[in-house]
Amino acid sequence: MEIAAEFLRLFLRGLYFTLPLLAILILILVLIGQIVGRHEAWSKFDAFYWAFITAFTVGYGDFHPCKRLSKGLAILIALVGVIFTGIVVAIALHAAQTSFKKYI
């Protein structure tokens, strides 16, 4: 149980220190999603939903851009999502590695 508590402490600490960067990436996702939504004539909620589904590579396909500009912005959203995910995974790996070193 000590390892799990140490991991959680380190993980949350890592998230805390990268929060400004993660918040900027989320803001970029929301703004680009709203631009695409306006361009594609989607509701604001549908554009928000689509941006996050696209960014985190789920891609249900219930909404998809039809216009060329929107497709280009979808690629940008996917790249920002991969960067966001990579940062969170890197924080988790660092927390796991550090917590296991301490107790093993």
N, C-alpha and C. Protein backbone atom coordinates (compact mmCIF):
# COMPACT_ATOMS: atom_id res chain seq x y z
N MET A 1 0.82 -1.19 0.00
CA MET A 1 0.00 0.00 0.00
C MET A 1 0.87 1.27 0.00
N GLU A 2 2.06 1.18 0.56
CA GLU A 2 2.94 2.33 0.60
C GLU A 2 3.37 2.76 -0.80
N ILE A 3 3.59 1.77 -1.67
CA ILE A 3 4.00 2.08 -3.04
C ILE A 3 2.89 2.83 -3.76
N ALA A 4 1.66 2.38 -3.59
CA ALA A 4 0.53 3.03 -4.25
C ALA A 4 0.35 4.46 -3.75
N ALA A 5 0.50 4.66 -2.47
CA ALA A 5 0.37 6.00 -1.91
C ALA A 5 1.49 6.90 -2.42
N GLU A 6 2.70 6.36 -2.49
CA GLU A 6 3.84 7.14 -3.00
C GLU A 6 3.65 7.47 -4.47
N PHE A 7 3.18 6.48 -5.24
CA PHE A 7 2.91 6.73 -6.66
C PHE A 7 1.88 7.84 -6.83
N LEU A 8 0.78 7.74 -6.10
CA LEU A 8 -0.27 8.74 -6.21
C LEU A 8 0.24 10.13 -5.83
N ARG A 9 1.03 10.20 -4.77
CA ARG A 9 1.60 11.49 -4.34
C ARG A 9 2.48 12.08 -5.43
N LEU A 10 3.35 11.26 -6.00
CA LEU A 10 4.26 11.75 -7.04
C LEU A 10 3.51 12.10 -8.33
N PHE A 11 2.51 11.31 -8.67
CA PHE A 11 1.73 11.56 -9.87
C PHE A 11 0.97 12.88 -9.75
N LEU A 12 0.31 13.08 -8.62
CA LEU A 12 -0.43 14.32 -8.42
C LEU A 12 0.50 15.53 -8.36
N ARG A 13 1.67 15.34 -7.79
CA ARG A 13 2.66 16.42 -7.75
C ARG A 13 3.11 16.78 -9.16
N GLY A 14 3.35 15.75 -9.98
CA GLY A 14 3.72 16.00 -11.37
C GLY A 14 2.64 16.72 -12.14
N LEU A 15 1.38 16.31 -11.93
CA LEU A 15 0.26 17.00 -12.57
C LEU A 15 0.17 18.45 -12.11
N TYR A 16 0.41 18.67 -10.83
CA TYR A 16 0.36 20.03 -10.28
C TYR A 16 1.38 20.94 -10.97
N PHE A 17 2.60 20.43 -11.16
CA PHE A 17 3.64 21.25 -11.76
C PHE A 17 3.44 21.46 -13.26
N THR A 18 2.76 20.55 -13.92
CA THR A 18 2.52 20.71 -15.35
C THR A 18 1.13 21.27 -15.65
N LEU A 19 0.39 21.60 -14.62
CA LEU A 19 -0.98 22.09 -14.80
C LEU A 19 -1.08 23.29 -15.75
N PRO A 20 -0.19 24.27 -15.67
CA PRO A 20 -0.30 25.39 -16.64
C PRO A 20 -0.18 24.92 -18.09
N LEU A 21 0.75 24.03 -18.36
CA LEU A 21 0.92 23.52 -19.72
C LEU A 21 -0.29 22.70 -20.14
N LEU A 22 -0.77 21.82 -19.25
CA LEU A 22 -1.93 21.00 -19.58
C LEU A 22 -3.17 21.87 -19.79
N ALA A 23 -3.32 22.91 -19.01
CA ALA A 23 -4.46 23.82 -19.16
C ALA A 23 -4.40 24.55 -20.50
N ILE A 24 -3.21 24.95 -20.91
CA ILE A 24 -3.07 25.62 -22.21
C ILE A 24 -3.42 24.66 -23.34
N LEU A 25 -3.00 23.41 -23.24
CA LEU A 25 -3.33 22.42 -24.27
C LEU A 25 -4.84 22.17 -24.33
N ILE A 26 -5.49 22.09 -23.17
CA ILE A 26 -6.95 21.92 -23.14
C ILE A 26 -7.63 23.14 -23.77
N LEU A 27 -7.14 24.33 -23.44
CA LEU A 27 -7.71 25.55 -24.02
C LEU A 27 -7.57 25.55 -25.54
N ILE A 28 -6.42 25.12 -26.03
CA ILE A 28 -6.21 25.02 -27.47
C ILE A 28 -7.22 24.05 -28.09
N LEU A 29 -7.43 22.91 -27.43
CA LEU A 29 -8.41 21.93 -27.94
C LEU A 29 -9.80 22.54 -28.02
N VAL A 30 -10.20 23.22 -26.97
CA VAL A 30 -11.54 23.81 -26.94
C VAL A 30 -11.68 24.88 -28.03
N LEU A 31 -10.69 25.75 -28.15
CA LEU A 31 -10.77 26.84 -29.14
C LEU A 31 -10.80 26.30 -30.57
N ILE A 32 -9.92 25.37 -30.86
CA ILE A 32 -9.92 24.80 -32.22
C ILE A 32 -11.22 24.04 -32.48
N GLY A 33 -11.69 23.33 -31.47
CA GLY A 33 -12.96 22.61 -31.61
C GLY A 33 -14.12 23.55 -31.91
N GLN A 34 -14.13 24.70 -31.25
CA GLN A 34 -15.20 25.67 -31.50
C GLN A 34 -15.07 26.29 -32.88
N ILE A 35 -13.86 26.50 -33.35
CA ILE A 35 -13.67 27.01 -34.72
C ILE A 35 -14.20 26.01 -35.73
N VAL A 36 -13.84 24.75 -35.54
CA VAL A 36 -14.34 23.70 -36.45
C VAL A 36 -15.86 23.60 -36.36
N GLY A 37 -16.38 23.64 -35.13
CA GLY A 37 -17.83 23.56 -34.95
C GLY A 37 -18.57 24.68 -35.65
N ARG A 38 -18.05 25.88 -35.57
CA ARG A 38 -18.68 27.01 -36.25
C ARG A 38 -18.60 26.83 -37.76
N HIS A 39 -17.44 26.36 -38.23
CA HIS A 39 -17.22 26.15 -39.66
C HIS A 39 -18.12 25.03 -40.21
N GLU A 40 -18.37 24.03 -39.38
CA GLU A 40 -19.19 22.89 -39.80
C GLU A 40 -20.67 23.04 -39.40
N ALA A 41 -21.01 24.13 -38.74
CA ALA A 41 -22.39 24.41 -38.29
C ALA A 41 -22.87 23.39 -37.25
N TRP A 42 -22.00 23.05 -36.30
CA TRP A 42 -22.36 22.18 -35.18
C TRP A 42 -22.71 23.06 -33.98
N SER A 43 -23.42 22.49 -33.03
CA SER A 43 -23.68 23.22 -31.78
C SER A 43 -22.36 23.34 -31.01
N LYS A 44 -22.33 24.26 -30.05
CA LYS A 44 -21.11 24.44 -29.26
C LYS A 44 -20.77 23.18 -28.48
N PHE A 45 -21.78 22.52 -27.92
CA PHE A 45 -21.51 21.29 -27.18
C PHE A 45 -21.00 20.19 -28.10
N ASP A 46 -21.61 20.05 -29.27
CA ASP A 46 -21.15 19.02 -30.22
C ASP A 46 -19.71 19.27 -30.65
N ALA A 47 -19.35 20.54 -30.85
CA ALA A 47 -17.97 20.87 -31.21
C ALA A 47 -17.01 20.54 -30.07
N PHE A 48 -17.41 20.84 -28.85
CA PHE A 48 -16.60 20.52 -27.66
C PHE A 48 -16.41 19.01 -27.55
N TYR A 49 -17.51 18.29 -27.68
CA TYR A 49 -17.50 16.82 -27.63
C TYR A 49 -16.58 16.25 -28.71
N TRP A 50 -16.75 16.72 -29.94
CA TRP A 50 -15.96 16.22 -31.06
C TRP A 50 -14.47 16.47 -30.85
N ALA A 51 -14.13 17.66 -30.34
CA ALA A 51 -12.72 18.01 -30.14
C ALA A 51 -12.06 17.05 -29.16
N PHE A 52 -12.73 16.74 -28.05
CA PHE A 52 -12.12 15.86 -27.06
C PHE A 52 -12.10 14.40 -27.52
N ILE A 53 -13.13 13.98 -28.21
CA ILE A 53 -13.14 12.61 -28.74
C ILE A 53 -12.03 12.45 -29.78
N THR A 54 -11.83 13.47 -30.60
CA THR A 54 -10.76 13.42 -31.60
C THR A 54 -9.39 13.51 -30.95
N ALA A 55 -9.23 14.41 -29.97
CA ALA A 55 -7.93 14.62 -29.34
C ALA A 55 -7.45 13.38 -28.60
N PHE A 56 -8.36 12.67 -27.98
CA PHE A 56 -7.94 11.52 -27.19
C PHE A 56 -8.17 10.22 -27.94
N THR A 57 -8.15 10.31 -29.26
CA THR A 57 -8.09 9.23 -30.24
C THR A 57 -9.19 8.18 -30.11
N VAL A 58 -10.31 8.55 -29.55
CA VAL A 58 -11.43 7.62 -29.51
C VAL A 58 -12.11 7.63 -30.87
N GLY A 59 -12.46 8.81 -31.34
CA GLY A 59 -13.00 8.98 -32.69
C GLY A 59 -14.19 8.11 -33.01
N TYR A 60 -15.30 8.33 -32.34
CA TYR A 60 -16.49 7.51 -32.56
C TYR A 60 -17.02 7.63 -33.99
N GLY A 61 -16.83 8.75 -34.64
CA GLY A 61 -17.28 8.92 -36.01
C GLY A 61 -18.68 9.47 -36.14
N ASP A 62 -19.33 9.77 -35.01
CA ASP A 62 -20.68 10.32 -35.10
C ASP A 62 -20.66 11.75 -35.63
N PHE A 63 -19.57 12.46 -35.42
CA PHE A 63 -19.34 13.77 -36.04
C PHE A 63 -18.01 13.67 -36.77
N HIS A 64 -17.97 14.21 -37.95
CA HIS A 64 -16.71 14.27 -38.67
C HIS A 64 -16.72 15.50 -39.57
N PRO A 65 -15.59 16.14 -39.70
CA PRO A 65 -15.53 17.34 -40.52
C PRO A 65 -15.63 16.99 -42.01
N CYS A 66 -16.31 17.84 -42.73
CA CYS A 66 -16.47 17.63 -44.17
C CYS A 66 -15.66 18.64 -44.99
N LYS A 67 -15.37 19.77 -44.39
CA LYS A 67 -14.67 20.82 -45.13
C LYS A 67 -13.16 20.71 -44.95
N ARG A 68 -12.44 21.18 -45.94
CA ARG A 68 -10.99 21.03 -45.96
C ARG A 68 -10.30 21.68 -44.76
N LEU A 69 -10.69 22.91 -44.43
CA LEU A 69 -10.10 23.61 -43.29
C LEU A 69 -10.35 22.83 -42.00
N SER A 70 -11.55 22.33 -41.84
CA SER A 70 -11.90 21.56 -40.65
C SER A 70 -11.07 20.29 -40.53
N LYS A 71 -10.82 19.65 -41.63
CA LYS A 71 -10.00 18.43 -41.62
C LYS A 71 -8.56 18.74 -41.21
N GLY A 72 -8.05 19.85 -41.68
CA GLY A 72 -6.70 20.27 -41.27
C GLY A 72 -6.64 20.58 -39.79
N LEU A 73 -7.65 21.25 -39.28
CA LEU A 73 -7.69 21.55 -37.86
C LEU A 73 -7.88 20.28 -37.03
N ALA A 74 -8.55 19.28 -37.59
CA ALA A 74 -8.71 17.99 -36.90
C ALA A 74 -7.35 17.33 -36.70
N ILE A 75 -6.48 17.46 -37.67
CA ILE A 75 -5.12 16.93 -37.53
C ILE A 75 -4.39 17.65 -36.41
N LEU A 76 -4.55 18.96 -36.33
CA LEU A 76 -3.93 19.73 -35.26
C LEU A 76 -4.47 19.32 -33.90
N ILE A 77 -5.78 19.11 -33.82
CA ILE A 77 -6.38 18.65 -32.56
C ILE A 77 -5.80 17.29 -32.16
N ALA A 78 -5.66 16.40 -33.12
CA ALA A 78 -5.09 15.08 -32.82
C ALA A 78 -3.66 15.19 -32.31
N LEU A 79 -2.86 16.07 -32.90
CA LEU A 79 -1.48 16.27 -32.45
C LEU A 79 -1.43 16.83 -31.03
N VAL A 80 -2.28 17.80 -30.74
CA VAL A 80 -2.32 18.37 -29.39
C VAL A 80 -2.76 17.30 -28.39
N GLY A 81 -3.71 16.46 -28.79
CA GLY A 81 -4.16 15.38 -27.91
C GLY A 81 -3.06 14.37 -27.63
N VAL A 82 -2.25 14.05 -28.63
CA VAL A 82 -1.14 13.12 -28.43
C VAL A 82 -0.10 13.74 -27.50
N ILE A 83 0.17 15.02 -27.65
CA ILE A 83 1.12 15.70 -26.75
C ILE A 83 0.59 15.69 -25.32
N PHE A 84 -0.68 16.01 -25.15
CA PHE A 84 -1.30 16.01 -23.82
C PHE A 84 -1.19 14.63 -23.18
N THR A 85 -1.57 13.61 -23.93
CA THR A 85 -1.52 12.24 -23.43
C THR A 85 -0.09 11.83 -23.10
N GLY A 86 0.85 12.20 -23.95
CA GLY A 86 2.25 11.87 -23.71
C GLY A 86 2.78 12.49 -22.43
N ILE A 87 2.38 13.71 -22.15
CA ILE A 87 2.82 14.37 -20.91
C ILE A 87 2.28 13.63 -19.70
N VAL A 88 1.00 13.29 -19.72
CA VAL A 88 0.39 12.59 -18.59
C VAL A 88 1.02 11.20 -18.40
N VAL A 89 1.26 10.50 -19.49
CA VAL A 89 1.90 9.18 -19.41
C VAL A 89 3.32 9.32 -18.87
N ALA A 90 4.06 10.33 -19.31
CA ALA A 90 5.42 10.54 -18.82
C ALA A 90 5.42 10.81 -17.31
N ILE A 91 4.46 11.59 -16.85
CA ILE A 91 4.34 11.86 -15.41
C ILE A 91 4.05 10.57 -14.66
N ALA A 92 3.14 9.76 -15.19
CA ALA A 92 2.79 8.50 -14.54
C ALA A 92 3.98 7.54 -14.51
N LEU A 93 4.71 7.45 -15.60
CA LEU A 93 5.88 6.57 -15.63
C LEU A 93 6.96 7.03 -14.65
N HIS A 94 7.18 8.33 -14.59
CA HIS A 94 8.17 8.84 -13.65
C HIS A 94 7.75 8.55 -12.22
N ALA A 95 6.48 8.76 -11.91
CA ALA A 95 5.97 8.49 -10.56
C ALA A 95 6.10 7.01 -10.23
N ALA A 96 5.79 6.13 -11.17
CA ALA A 96 5.89 4.69 -10.93
C ALA A 96 7.34 4.28 -10.73
N GLN A 97 8.22 4.75 -11.58
CA GLN A 97 9.63 4.39 -11.48
C GLN A 97 10.22 4.88 -10.16
N THR A 98 9.92 6.09 -9.78
CA THR A 98 10.46 6.64 -8.54
C THR A 98 9.91 5.92 -7.33
N SER A 99 8.62 5.62 -7.32
CA SER A 99 8.03 4.96 -6.16
C SER A 99 8.52 3.51 -6.03
N PHE A 100 8.74 2.81 -7.14
CA PHE A 100 9.26 1.45 -7.06
C PHE A 100 10.72 1.44 -6.62
N LYS A 101 11.52 2.38 -7.06
CA LYS A 101 12.93 2.46 -6.66
C LYS A 101 13.05 2.63 -5.15
N LYS A 102 12.15 3.39 -4.58
CA LYS A 102 12.21 3.71 -3.17
C LYS A 102 11.95 2.47 -2.29
N TYR A 103 11.08 1.58 -2.77
CA TYR A 103 10.64 0.46 -1.93
C TYR A 103 11.18 -0.89 -2.35
N ILE A 104 11.87 -0.96 -3.46
CA ILE A 104 12.37 -2.26 -3.92
C ILE A 104 13.88 -2.23 -3.98
